[in-house]
Amino acid sequence: MAEFGEPQVIVAAFTHSNPARRAARRLLAAGPVVGACWGTALIINRAWAWPVPAAARLLLGLALITAIALLATAAFSRHYRAAGRAAAAGCISMAMIDAALLSAITFAALPVIWPVIVAMAASAARITFTGRHLPSVLLAG
């Protein structure tokens, strides 16, 4: 009979190969790039002068911080189910934030300059990545 090793090693390897953890880590890695694209686009378009209520800005900021915290929890969790649940919530939250940014820019009728196009493409790519990996993330949770 073949020896499979210690149960802790098997559980650790199983948790390490969790698709939810992989997706969360990839989204965390892409976050600064997408954020820099949006930051550049918003600075060039002087977003601080837009007629957006302070509550909406605060809500978007809190949603972003929550999504990042959920993805970080999933990426570094040692528990399979907890990582899956946190990754599912983080992935859905990040996709909703990207969709909100895309909608806001579209309806704001801003001049379309290359940083805006790059930021929109980065968000669309992140939404596509999330959509492709969400079924396996949901199964892991």
C-alpha atoms as a PDB file:
ATOM      1  CA  MET A   1       0.000   0.000   0.000  1.00  0.00           C
ATOM      2  CA  ALA A   2       1.396   3.366  -1.017  1.00  0.00           C
ATOM      3  CA  GLU A   3       2.084   5.983   1.603  1.00  0.00           C
ATOM      4  CA  PHE A   4       0.336   9.270   0.906  1.00  0.00           C
ATOM      5  CA  GLY A   5       2.006  11.370   3.590  1.00  0.00           C
ATOM      6  CA  GLU A   6       0.791  13.273   6.574  1.00  0.00           C
ATOM      7  CA  PRO A   7      -2.831  14.437   6.554  1.00  0.00           C
ATOM      8  CA  GLN A   8      -1.709  18.019   7.230  1.00  0.00           C
ATOM      9  CA  VAL A   9       0.501  17.963   4.126  1.00  0.00           C
ATOM     10  CA  ILE A  10      -2.352  16.670   1.985  1.00  0.00           C
ATOM     11  CA  VAL A  11      -4.756  19.310   3.312  1.00  0.00           C
ATOM     12  CA  ALA A  12      -2.138  22.036   2.776  1.00  0.00           C
ATOM     13  CA  ALA A  13      -1.569  20.927  -0.806  1.00  0.00           C
ATOM     14  CA  PHE A  14      -5.315  20.776  -1.432  1.00  0.00           C
ATOM     15  CA  THR A  15      -5.778  24.277  -0.009  1.00  0.00           C
ATOM     16  CA  HIS A  16      -2.808  25.578  -2.006  1.00  0.00           C
ATOM     17  CA  SER A  17      -4.342  24.354  -5.260  1.00  0.00           C
ATOM     18  CA  ASN A  18      -7.668  26.065  -4.479  1.00  0.00           C
ATOM     19  CA  PRO A  19      -8.921  27.830  -7.647  1.00  0.00           C
ATOM     20  CA  ALA A  20     -10.457  30.570  -5.508  1.00  0.00           C
ATOM     21  CA  ARG A  21      -7.063  31.423  -4.006  1.00  0.00           C
ATOM     22  CA  ARG A  22      -5.461  31.517  -7.447  1.00  0.00           C
ATOM     23  CA  ALA A  23      -8.161  33.811  -8.824  1.00  0.00           C
ATOM     24  CA  ALA A  24      -7.930  36.103  -5.794  1.00  0.00           C
ATOM     25  CA  ARG A  25      -4.160  36.349  -6.108  1.00  0.00           C
ATOM     26  CA  ARG A  26      -4.391  37.171  -9.804  1.00  0.00           C
ATOM     27  CA  LEU A  27      -6.992  39.859  -9.165  1.00  0.00           C
ATOM     28  CA  LEU A  28      -4.827  41.312  -6.400  1.00  0.00           C
ATOM     29  CA  ALA A  29      -1.833  41.351  -8.736  1.00  0.00           C
ATOM     30  CA  ALA A  30      -3.810  43.108 -11.475  1.00  0.00           C
ATOM     31  CA  GLY A  31      -5.314  45.622  -9.052  1.00  0.00           C
ATOM     32  CA  PRO A  32      -2.473  48.163  -8.949  1.00  0.00           C
ATOM     33  CA  VAL A  33      -2.203  48.181 -12.741  1.00  0.00           C
ATOM     34  CA  VAL A  34      -5.927  48.766 -13.232  1.00  0.00           C
ATOM     35  CA  GLY A  35      -5.945  51.290 -10.388  1.00  0.00           C
ATOM     36  CA  ALA A  36      -3.081  53.231 -11.961  1.00  0.00           C
ATOM     37  CA  CYS A  37      -4.956  53.314 -15.263  1.00  0.00           C
ATOM     38  CA  TRP A  38      -8.087  54.665 -13.583  1.00  0.00           C
ATOM     39  CA  GLY A  39      -6.103  57.086 -11.455  1.00  0.00           C
ATOM     40  CA  THR A  40      -4.422  58.540 -14.528  1.00  0.00           C
ATOM     41  CA  ALA A  41      -7.708  58.809 -16.421  1.00  0.00           C
ATOM     42  CA  LEU A  42      -9.490  60.477 -13.494  1.00  0.00           C
ATOM     43  CA  ILE A  43      -6.662  62.939 -12.838  1.00  0.00           C
ATOM     44  CA  ILE A  44      -6.461  63.949 -16.493  1.00  0.00           C
ATOM     45  CA  ASN A  45     -10.239  64.486 -16.562  1.00  0.00           C
ATOM     46  CA  ARG A  46     -10.164  66.399 -13.235  1.00  0.00           C
ATOM     47  CA  ALA A  47     -12.595  64.084 -11.481  1.00  0.00           C
ATOM     48  CA  TRP A  48     -12.513  66.183  -8.303  1.00  0.00           C
ATOM     49  CA  ALA A  49     -14.551  68.835 -10.150  1.00  0.00           C
ATOM     50  CA  TRP A  50     -17.326  66.456 -11.198  1.00  0.00           C
ATOM     51  CA  PRO A  51     -20.750  66.974  -9.620  1.00  0.00           C
ATOM     52  CA  VAL A  52     -20.693  63.661  -7.736  1.00  0.00           C
ATOM     53  CA  PRO A  53     -22.120  63.547  -4.201  1.00  0.00           C
ATOM     54  CA  ALA A  54     -19.616  62.921  -1.436  1.00  0.00           C
ATOM     55  CA  ALA A  55     -21.664  59.926  -0.285  1.00  0.00           C
ATOM     56  CA  ALA A  56     -21.200  58.238  -3.675  1.00  0.00           C
ATOM     57  CA  ARG A  57     -17.442  58.786  -3.554  1.00  0.00           C
ATOM     58  CA  LEU A  58     -17.298  57.430  -0.021  1.00  0.00           C
ATOM     59  CA  LEU A  59     -19.424  54.422  -0.927  1.00  0.00           C
ATOM     60  CA  LEU A  60     -17.214  53.557  -3.911  1.00  0.00           C
ATOM     61  CA  GLY A  61     -14.089  53.886  -1.769  1.00  0.00           C
ATOM     62  CA  LEU A  62     -15.515  51.663   0.962  1.00  0.00           C
ATOM     63  CA  ALA A  63     -16.611  49.092  -1.619  1.00  0.00           C
ATOM     64  CA  LEU A  64     -13.115  49.050  -3.093  1.00  0.00           C
ATOM     65  CA  ILE A  65     -11.466  48.624   0.311  1.00  0.00           C
ATOM     66  CA  THR A  66     -13.903  45.824   1.177  1.00  0.00           C
ATOM     67  CA  ALA A  67     -13.274  44.020  -2.115  1.00  0.00           C
ATOM     68  CA  ILE A  68      -9.508  44.247  -1.635  1.00  0.00           C
ATOM     69  CA  ALA A  69      -9.814  42.940   1.932  1.00  0.00           C
ATOM     70  CA  LEU A  70     -11.956  40.005   0.763  1.00  0.00           C
ATOM     71  CA  LEU A  71      -9.504  39.138  -2.010  1.00  0.00           C
ATOM     72  CA  ALA A  72      -6.545  39.380   0.381  1.00  0.00           C
ATOM     73  CA  THR A  73      -8.355  37.161   2.871  1.00  0.00           C
ATOM     74  CA  ALA A  74      -8.993  34.603   0.138  1.00  0.00           C
ATOM     75  CA  ALA A  75      -5.480  34.785  -1.277  1.00  0.00           C
ATOM     76  CA  PHE A  76      -3.748  34.138   2.024  1.00  0.00           C
ATOM     77  CA  SER A  77      -6.298  31.987   3.847  1.00  0.00           C
ATOM     78  CA  ARG A  78      -5.258  28.555   5.032  1.00  0.00           C
ATOM     79  CA  HIS A  79      -8.836  27.284   5.053  1.00  0.00           C
ATOM     80  CA  TYR A  80     -10.326  25.980   1.823  1.00  0.00           C
ATOM     81  CA  ARG A  81     -13.957  27.002   2.374  1.00  0.00           C
ATOM     82  CA  ALA A  82     -13.165  30.385   3.887  1.00  0.00           C
ATOM     83  CA  ALA A  83     -10.922  31.171   0.934  1.00  0.00           C
ATOM     84  CA  GLY A  84     -13.640  30.127  -1.488  1.00  0.00           C
ATOM     85  CA  ARG A  85     -16.328  32.245   0.147  1.00  0.00           C
ATOM     86  CA  ALA A  86     -14.109  35.309   0.493  1.00  0.00           C
ATOM     87  CA  ALA A  87     -12.898  34.960  -3.105  1.00  0.00           C
ATOM     88  CA  ALA A  88     -16.448  34.652  -4.421  1.00  0.00           C
ATOM     89  CA  ALA A  89     -17.532  37.799  -2.581  1.00  0.00           C
ATOM     90  CA  GLY A  90     -14.351  39.641  -3.590  1.00  0.00           C
ATOM     91  CA  CYS A  91     -14.607  38.649  -7.256  1.00  0.00           C
ATOM     92  CA  ILE A  92     -18.241  39.693  -7.493  1.00  0.00           C
ATOM     93  CA  SER A  93     -17.505  42.952  -5.672  1.00  0.00           C
ATOM     94  CA  MET A  94     -14.581  43.793  -7.939  1.00  0.00           C
ATOM     95  CA  ALA A  95     -16.625  43.065 -11.059  1.00  0.00           C
ATOM     96  CA  MET A  96     -19.404  45.320  -9.756  1.00  0.00           C
ATOM     97  CA  ILE A  97     -16.933  48.129  -9.037  1.00  0.00           C
ATOM     98  CA  ASP A  98     -15.470  47.818 -12.536  1.00  0.00           C
ATOM     99  CA  ALA A  99     -18.960  47.827 -14.045  1.00  0.00           C
ATOM    100  CA  ALA A 100     -19.853  50.928 -12.013  1.00  0.00           C
ATOM    101  CA  LEU A 101     -16.728  52.727 -13.224  1.00  0.00           C
ATOM    102  CA  LEU A 102     -17.418  51.771 -16.828  1.00  0.00           C
ATOM    103  CA  SER A 103     -21.019  52.974 -16.521  1.00  0.00           C
ATOM    104  CA  ALA A 104     -20.055  56.224 -14.827  1.00  0.00           C
ATOM    105  CA  ILE A 105     -17.470  57.077 -17.459  1.00  0.00           C
ATOM    106  CA  THR A 106     -19.870  56.170 -20.257  1.00  0.00           C
ATOM    107  CA  PHE A 107     -22.707  58.302 -18.893  1.00  0.00           C
ATOM    108  CA  ALA A 108     -20.455  61.207 -17.879  1.00  0.00           C
ATOM    109  CA  ALA A 109     -19.952  62.074 -21.566  1.00  0.00           C
ATOM    110  CA  LEU A 110     -16.299  62.907 -21.044  1.00  0.00           C
ATOM    111  CA  PRO A 111     -13.903  63.437 -23.892  1.00  0.00           C
ATOM    112  CA  VAL A 112     -12.528  60.039 -24.805  1.00  0.00           C
ATOM    113  CA  ILE A 113      -8.769  60.271 -24.543  1.00  0.00           C
ATOM    114  CA  TRP A 114      -6.278  57.440 -24.534  1.00  0.00           C
ATOM    115  CA  PRO A 115      -5.958  57.068 -20.710  1.00  0.00           C
ATOM    116  CA  VAL A 116      -9.733  56.621 -20.455  1.00  0.00           C
ATOM    117  CA  ILE A 117      -9.663  53.999 -23.204  1.00  0.00           C
ATOM    118  CA  VAL A 118      -6.814  52.146 -21.483  1.00  0.00           C
ATOM    119  CA  ALA A 119      -8.617  52.248 -18.114  1.00  0.00           C
ATOM    120  CA  MET A 120     -11.865  51.025 -19.660  1.00  0.00           C
ATOM    121  CA  ALA A 121     -10.027  48.206 -21.442  1.00  0.00           C
ATOM    122  CA  ALA A 122      -8.276  47.209 -18.197  1.00  0.00           C
ATOM    123  CA  SER A 123     -11.594  47.082 -16.328  1.00  0.00           C
ATOM    124  CA  ALA A 124     -13.228  45.141 -19.146  1.00  0.00           C
ATOM    125  CA  ALA A 125     -10.345  42.656 -19.086  1.00  0.00           C
ATOM    126  CA  ARG A 126     -10.708  42.245 -15.332  1.00  0.00           C
ATOM    127  CA  ILE A 127     -14.471  41.701 -15.670  1.00  0.00           C
ATOM    128  CA  THR A 128     -13.805  39.096 -18.362  1.00  0.00           C
ATOM    129  CA  PHE A 129     -11.229  37.340 -16.176  1.00  0.00           C
ATOM    130  CA  THR A 130     -13.648  37.327 -13.259  1.00  0.00           C
ATOM    131  CA  GLY A 131     -16.469  35.987 -15.416  1.00  0.00           C
ATOM    132  CA  ARG A 132     -14.294  33.170 -16.729  1.00  0.00           C
ATOM    133  CA  HIS A 133     -13.094  32.109 -13.285  1.00  0.00           C
ATOM    134  CA  LEU A 134     -16.214  32.779 -11.230  1.00  0.00           C
ATOM    135  CA  PRO A 135     -17.776  29.305 -11.745  1.00  0.00           C
ATOM    136  CA  SER A 136     -14.704  27.540 -10.314  1.00  0.00           C
ATOM    137  CA  VAL A 137     -14.491  30.109  -7.503  1.00  0.00           C
ATOM    138  CA  LEU A 138     -18.135  29.548  -6.603  1.00  0.00           C
ATOM    139  CA  LEU A 139     -17.616  25.772  -6.588  1.00  0.00           C
ATOM    140  CA  ALA A 140     -14.666  26.187  -4.218  1.00  0.00           C
ATOM    141  CA  GLY A 141     -16.810  28.114  -1.726  1.00  0.00           C
END
